[in-house]
Structure formats: C-alpha cells, structure tokens
Amino acid sequence: MATTTTSPSCTFIDTAASLAAMIPNLTNLPTNPPSLYIDLEGVQLSRHGTISILQIYVLPQRHTYLLDIHILGSSAFTPALKSLLESPSVPKCLFDVRRDADALYNLFGVSLQGVWDLQLMELATRPGRKQCVNGLARCIRTDAGMGWNEVREFEARKQQGLELFAPEKGGSYEVFNERPVKKEIVEYCVQDVEFLPKLWMAYKKRLTPGWARKLESATEERLALARSKTFMPDGRNMALGPW
C-alpha cells in the first residue's frame, strides 16, 4: 500500500521490505520525552481475538507507522522489532496497556517492557478521587491542550471511525481487516497516537516522585496481569483504578 499522508504524515507497512526500512527509524531515539507512542486495533483485541493494525508514532520525526498485522502476521515481529518492544530501556507510551499487552503476548509472544501507561499517569496526577480510570477520548479533550477547532476536528474524526467499527453505531470491527484500509480508519488510527505525546507532557509535569513510584509499580502489575491466565479483558475491573 502506498504511503498515506495525513497530519502528521503516515506510512502503511505491509511488506517485508517496508518493515525492514522502518526499523532504523525506531532506534537510537531520545528517551526524555519518550519517542515512541503505540496503540493497536483489532477484532476483539485480546488473546481471544486478533490484531489488525499496530500504530507507532515517532515523536522526533512526527511520523506514524501503521503496521499491517492482518497481512504480515507473525512476520511483522522481526527480532529487531520484538527486541525494541521488549526492551526496558526503550520507553514506549500506551494508553491502557492491558488489552494491547494481552494480545501481543498471547498471540505473538511479545512481552512489552519499558511502558508508560498514560491512563495510569492521568489517574496518578488527578486530584481528588481515584476510584475509576478515564478513557482516551476524555483525556484528549481535557488534557491535550487543544483549541476549540482542534477539538471539533478530533471529535469529527473519532465519530467517523466509530460509525465504521463500533457495533452499537452500526459498524463492525472487521473494517480494520478490509484492504485497502478506508481513509477514515487510517485517520482514526493516526489520531489515536498523535495526541499521546501531549498527554505525556501534561501528566509528567504534575507527577510527583511518590506517585511516580506508585505508577511504575501499577504499570508492572498491569503487564503481569495481561500475561496471566486469569486476565479478563471485558470484566468490570477494567474501569477501576489500582489505588
């Protein structure tokens, strides 16, 4: 599939050659702030479903790579990419790592490490009650520092994507496996990761040393839980915070 240009630019990776060409752009990058921001889309995303697309936003390049896991399958996780995802010294930011970590580990044997969980960062830096976690859309609207026009564009793209894949809106998650990928799905995938650096910056400014330690411990607990046999990705516990 040809390079897809959005804002920021985006490259769809669906061949061994394009995958090999991408890897050097993900290595030897700055770590503060983190350079890599990751999300996954799929059908029933978990050990019980499939991964369709793996999104990687590279902050220094302002560029998003969309890896076609539906087409590439296990061949997408080359030793170089697997090593990067599993390296504790390469920081990677995800929003609610649990389903992503579950799917990567149980479907492809990838054990995520070096994770900043932005959902937990929001909870750790939120004043007041910390019983329940917030969703990504709410965090972006509230904490990404967007102006009114940006919020309108964000909401419009979000809605276009939801109408295509959300069953309650008449869509189907199978749309993530349609090829060529619809323009609205590409924009939805890119949008989900391009705002993550703004969230990391906002929460990092508010994160105290004490809560940083609690955050690290809770993130490790989430990663361990996602790899365990008892993890329930659709349980009510998903809405509850660890503190």
Protein backbone atom coordinates (compact mmCIF):
# COMPACT_ATOMS: atom_id res chain seq x y z
CA MET A 1 0.00 0.00 0.00
CA ALA A 2 1.34 3.43 -0.86
CA THR A 3 2.31 5.97 1.75
CA THR A 4 -0.77 7.70 3.16
CA THR A 5 -0.37 11.36 4.02
CA THR A 6 -2.40 12.80 6.88
CA SER A 7 -1.40 15.22 9.61
CA PRO A 8 1.19 14.25 10.66
CA SER A 9 2.48 12.05 7.82
CA CYS A 10 1.84 8.32 7.89
CA THR A 11 3.31 5.21 6.27
CA PHE A 12 1.46 1.92 5.92
CA ILE A 13 3.75 -1.09 6.39
CA ASP A 14 2.56 -4.28 4.71
CA THR A 15 5.65 -5.85 3.15
CA ALA A 16 8.90 -7.31 4.46
CA ALA A 17 10.84 -4.63 2.60
CA SER A 18 8.89 -1.70 4.07
CA LEU A 19 9.14 -3.30 7.51
CA ALA A 20 12.92 -3.57 7.23
CA ALA A 21 13.14 0.04 6.05
CA MET A 22 11.11 1.23 9.04
CA ILE A 23 13.23 -0.32 11.81
CA PRO A 24 16.19 2.13 11.64
CA ASN A 25 13.72 4.98 12.18
CA LEU A 26 12.72 3.49 15.54
CA THR A 27 16.17 3.05 17.04
CA ASN A 28 18.66 5.30 18.85
CA LEU A 29 15.99 7.87 19.66
CA PRO A 30 15.73 10.30 22.59
CA THR A 31 14.17 8.86 25.74
CA ASN A 32 13.08 12.05 27.54
CA PRO A 33 10.46 12.73 26.44
CA PRO A 34 9.77 9.25 25.09
CA SER A 35 9.96 8.97 21.32
CA LEU A 36 7.57 6.05 20.72
CA TYR A 37 3.79 6.12 21.17
CA ILE A 38 1.89 2.92 20.44
CA ASP A 39 -1.65 1.64 20.01
CA LEU A 40 -3.30 -1.42 18.50
CA GLU A 41 -6.57 -2.02 16.67
CA GLY A 42 -8.20 -5.36 16.03
CA VAL A 43 -11.21 -7.62 16.23
CA GLN A 44 -11.95 -8.43 19.88
CA LEU A 45 -8.46 -7.17 20.69
CA SER A 46 -7.11 -9.65 23.24
CA ARG A 47 -5.83 -13.23 23.42
CA HIS A 48 -9.31 -14.25 22.24
CA GLY A 49 -9.26 -12.08 19.12
CA THR A 50 -6.86 -10.67 16.56
CA ILE A 51 -4.57 -7.71 15.97
CA SER A 52 -5.25 -5.88 12.71
CA ILE A 53 -3.06 -2.76 12.89
CA LEU A 54 -0.18 -1.73 15.14
CA GLN A 55 0.32 2.05 15.25
CA ILE A 56 3.69 3.57 16.15
CA TYR A 57 4.03 7.35 16.32
CA VAL A 58 7.65 8.55 16.33
CA LEU A 59 7.77 11.93 18.05
CA PRO A 60 11.13 13.27 16.77
CA GLN A 61 10.01 12.58 13.18
CA ARG A 62 6.34 13.48 13.68
CA HIS A 63 5.55 10.38 11.68
CA THR A 64 3.20 7.46 12.21
CA TYR A 65 3.80 3.92 11.02
CA LEU A 66 0.78 1.64 10.64
CA LEU A 67 1.92 -1.99 10.65
CA ASP A 68 -0.48 -4.31 8.85
CA ILE A 69 -0.56 -7.23 11.28
CA HIS A 70 -3.59 -8.67 9.47
CA ILE A 71 -1.43 -9.19 6.38
CA LEU A 72 2.04 -9.67 7.87
CA GLY A 73 1.03 -11.84 10.83
CA SER A 74 3.91 -13.11 12.94
CA SER A 75 6.43 -12.00 10.30
CA ALA A 76 5.83 -8.41 11.44
CA PHE A 77 7.56 -9.15 14.73
CA THR A 78 11.10 -9.48 13.45
CA PRO A 79 13.86 -9.95 16.03
CA ALA A 80 14.63 -6.23 15.77
CA LEU A 81 11.06 -5.09 16.39
CA LYS A 82 10.45 -7.68 19.11
CA SER A 83 13.65 -6.60 20.87
CA LEU A 84 12.57 -2.95 20.75
CA LEU A 85 9.11 -3.69 22.15
CA GLU A 86 10.55 -5.84 24.92
CA SER A 87 13.42 -3.52 25.87
CA PRO A 88 13.02 -1.92 29.32
CA SER A 89 15.46 0.82 28.29
CA VAL A 90 13.36 1.99 25.33
CA PRO A 91 10.36 3.91 26.74
CA LYS A 92 7.06 3.33 24.99
CA CYS A 93 3.83 5.18 25.78
CA LEU A 94 0.47 3.45 25.52
CA PHE A 95 -2.96 4.33 26.85
CA ASP A 96 -4.26 1.44 28.97
CA VAL A 97 -1.69 -1.19 28.12
CA ARG A 98 -3.74 -4.18 29.28
CA ARG A 99 -5.53 -5.36 26.12
CA ASP A 100 -2.53 -4.49 23.93
CA ALA A 101 -0.13 -6.39 26.17
CA ASP A 102 -2.52 -9.34 26.38
CA ALA A 103 -2.85 -9.61 22.59
CA LEU A 104 0.86 -9.11 21.85
CA TYR A 105 1.97 -11.68 24.42
CA ASN A 106 -0.62 -14.37 23.88
CA LEU A 107 -0.91 -14.12 20.10
CA PHE A 108 2.71 -13.34 19.15
CA GLY A 109 4.88 -13.98 22.21
CA VAL A 110 5.86 -10.30 22.60
CA SER A 111 6.34 -9.28 26.24
CA LEU A 112 6.05 -5.49 26.40
CA GLN A 113 8.51 -3.69 28.67
CA GLY A 114 9.56 -0.09 29.22
CA VAL A 115 5.95 1.11 29.29
CA TRP A 116 4.47 4.44 30.33
CA ASP A 117 0.74 3.76 30.78
CA LEU A 118 -0.86 7.16 30.13
CA GLN A 119 -4.20 6.10 31.60
CA LEU A 120 -2.46 5.40 34.89
CA MET A 121 -0.45 8.63 34.58
CA GLU A 122 -3.70 10.59 34.38
CA LEU A 123 -5.05 8.81 37.43
CA ALA A 124 -1.82 9.30 39.39
CA THR A 125 -1.81 13.05 38.71
CA ARG A 126 -5.56 13.60 39.10
CA PRO A 127 -6.59 15.50 42.23
CA GLY A 128 -9.36 14.02 44.31
CA ARG A 129 -10.99 10.61 43.84
CA LYS A 130 -9.03 7.93 42.02
CA GLN A 131 -11.52 5.08 42.03
CA CYS A 132 -12.16 4.88 38.28
CA VAL A 133 -9.95 5.43 35.23
CA ASN A 134 -10.80 7.73 32.33
CA GLY A 135 -10.98 6.82 28.66
CA LEU A 136 -8.66 8.12 25.95
CA ALA A 137 -11.16 10.45 24.28
CA ARG A 138 -11.97 12.20 27.56
CA CYS A 139 -8.27 12.60 28.39
CA ILE A 140 -7.51 14.07 24.97
CA ARG A 141 -10.40 16.52 25.17
CA THR A 142 -9.46 17.57 28.71
CA ASP A 143 -5.67 17.40 28.90
CA ALA A 144 -4.16 17.63 25.39
CA GLY A 145 -4.32 21.43 25.36
CA MET A 146 -6.37 21.65 22.18
CA GLY A 147 -8.18 24.72 20.94
CA TRP A 148 -11.86 24.72 20.02
CA ASN A 149 -11.23 24.00 16.31
CA GLU A 150 -8.87 21.13 17.15
CA VAL A 151 -11.47 19.61 19.45
CA ARG A 152 -14.07 19.81 16.66
CA GLU A 153 -11.73 18.07 14.20
CA PHE A 154 -10.81 15.44 16.78
CA GLU A 155 -14.47 14.71 17.55
CA ALA A 156 -15.37 14.51 13.85
CA ARG A 157 -12.61 12.02 13.03
CA LYS A 158 -13.43 10.00 16.14
CA GLN A 159 -17.10 9.84 15.14
CA GLN A 160 -16.30 8.82 11.56
CA GLY A 161 -14.19 5.94 12.83
CA LEU A 162 -16.75 4.83 15.40
CA GLU A 163 -19.51 4.71 12.81
CA LEU A 164 -17.42 2.27 10.80
CA PHE A 165 -16.30 -0.12 13.54
CA ALA A 166 -18.48 0.29 16.64
CA PRO A 167 -21.32 -2.30 16.60
CA GLU A 168 -23.56 -0.03 18.68
CA LYS A 169 -23.30 2.55 15.87
CA GLY A 170 -23.95 0.05 13.09
CA GLY A 171 -20.29 -0.69 12.36
CA SER A 172 -18.09 -3.78 12.60
CA TYR A 173 -14.57 -4.29 13.92
CA GLU A 174 -13.93 -6.33 10.76
CA VAL A 175 -13.47 -2.98 9.00
CA PHE A 176 -9.92 -2.97 10.40
CA ASN A 177 -9.23 -6.02 8.22
CA GLU A 178 -10.60 -4.58 4.99
CA ARG A 179 -7.95 -3.82 2.35
CA PRO A 180 -7.32 -1.23 1.16
CA VAL A 181 -7.87 0.42 4.53
CA LYS A 182 -10.51 3.13 4.45
CA LYS A 183 -9.27 6.72 4.70
CA GLU A 184 -11.42 7.25 7.80
CA ILE A 185 -9.82 4.28 9.54
CA VAL A 186 -6.31 5.50 8.70
CA GLU A 187 -7.14 8.91 10.16
CA TYR A 188 -8.68 7.32 13.25
CA CYS A 189 -5.59 5.17 13.82
CA VAL A 190 -3.20 8.09 13.38
CA GLN A 191 -5.23 10.39 15.61
CA ASP A 192 -5.21 7.87 18.45
CA VAL A 193 -1.41 8.06 18.73
CA GLU A 194 -0.55 11.58 17.56
CA PHE A 195 -2.12 13.14 20.68
CA LEU A 196 -0.36 10.82 23.15
CA PRO A 197 2.82 12.94 23.46
CA LYS A 198 0.71 15.90 24.59
CA LEU A 199 -0.83 13.74 27.31
CA TRP A 200 2.58 12.51 28.48
CA MET A 201 3.86 16.09 28.70
CA ALA A 202 0.80 17.26 30.63
CA TYR A 203 0.88 14.42 33.15
CA LYS A 204 4.66 14.32 33.57
CA LYS A 205 4.62 17.96 34.76
CA ARG A 206 2.20 17.01 37.54
CA LEU A 207 3.79 13.69 38.53
CA THR A 208 5.43 13.75 41.97
CA PRO A 209 8.26 11.35 42.91
CA GLY A 210 5.99 9.44 45.27
CA TRP A 211 3.29 8.94 42.66
CA ALA A 212 5.95 8.09 40.05
CA ARG A 213 6.93 5.08 42.14
CA LYS A 214 3.31 4.03 42.52
CA LEU A 215 2.81 4.48 38.78
CA GLU A 216 5.77 2.27 37.92
CA SER A 217 4.56 -0.47 40.25
CA ALA A 218 0.97 -0.32 38.95
CA THR A 219 2.15 -0.45 35.33
CA GLU A 220 4.24 -3.56 36.04
CA GLU A 221 1.20 -5.12 37.71
CA ARG A 222 -0.90 -4.41 34.61
CA LEU A 223 1.72 -6.00 32.35
CA ALA A 224 1.95 -9.08 34.55
CA LEU A 225 -1.84 -9.36 34.74
CA ALA A 226 -2.17 -9.15 30.96
CA ARG A 227 0.19 -12.11 30.60
CA SER A 228 -1.56 -14.17 33.27
CA LYS A 229 -4.14 -16.89 32.65
CA THR A 230 -6.70 -15.09 34.81
CA PHE A 231 -6.87 -11.79 32.90
CA MET A 232 -10.44 -10.82 31.89
CA PRO A 233 -10.31 -8.04 29.26
CA ASP A 234 -14.06 -7.44 29.42
CA GLY A 235 -14.52 -7.51 33.18
CA ARG A 236 -15.89 -4.67 35.29
CA ASN A 237 -12.45 -4.42 36.87
CA MET A 238 -11.19 -2.66 33.71
CA ALA A 239 -12.87 0.57 34.82
CA LEU A 240 -11.31 0.55 38.28
CA GLY A 241 -8.01 2.15 39.21
CA PRO A 242 -5.34 0.40 41.29
CA TRP A 243 -5.31 2.93 44.17
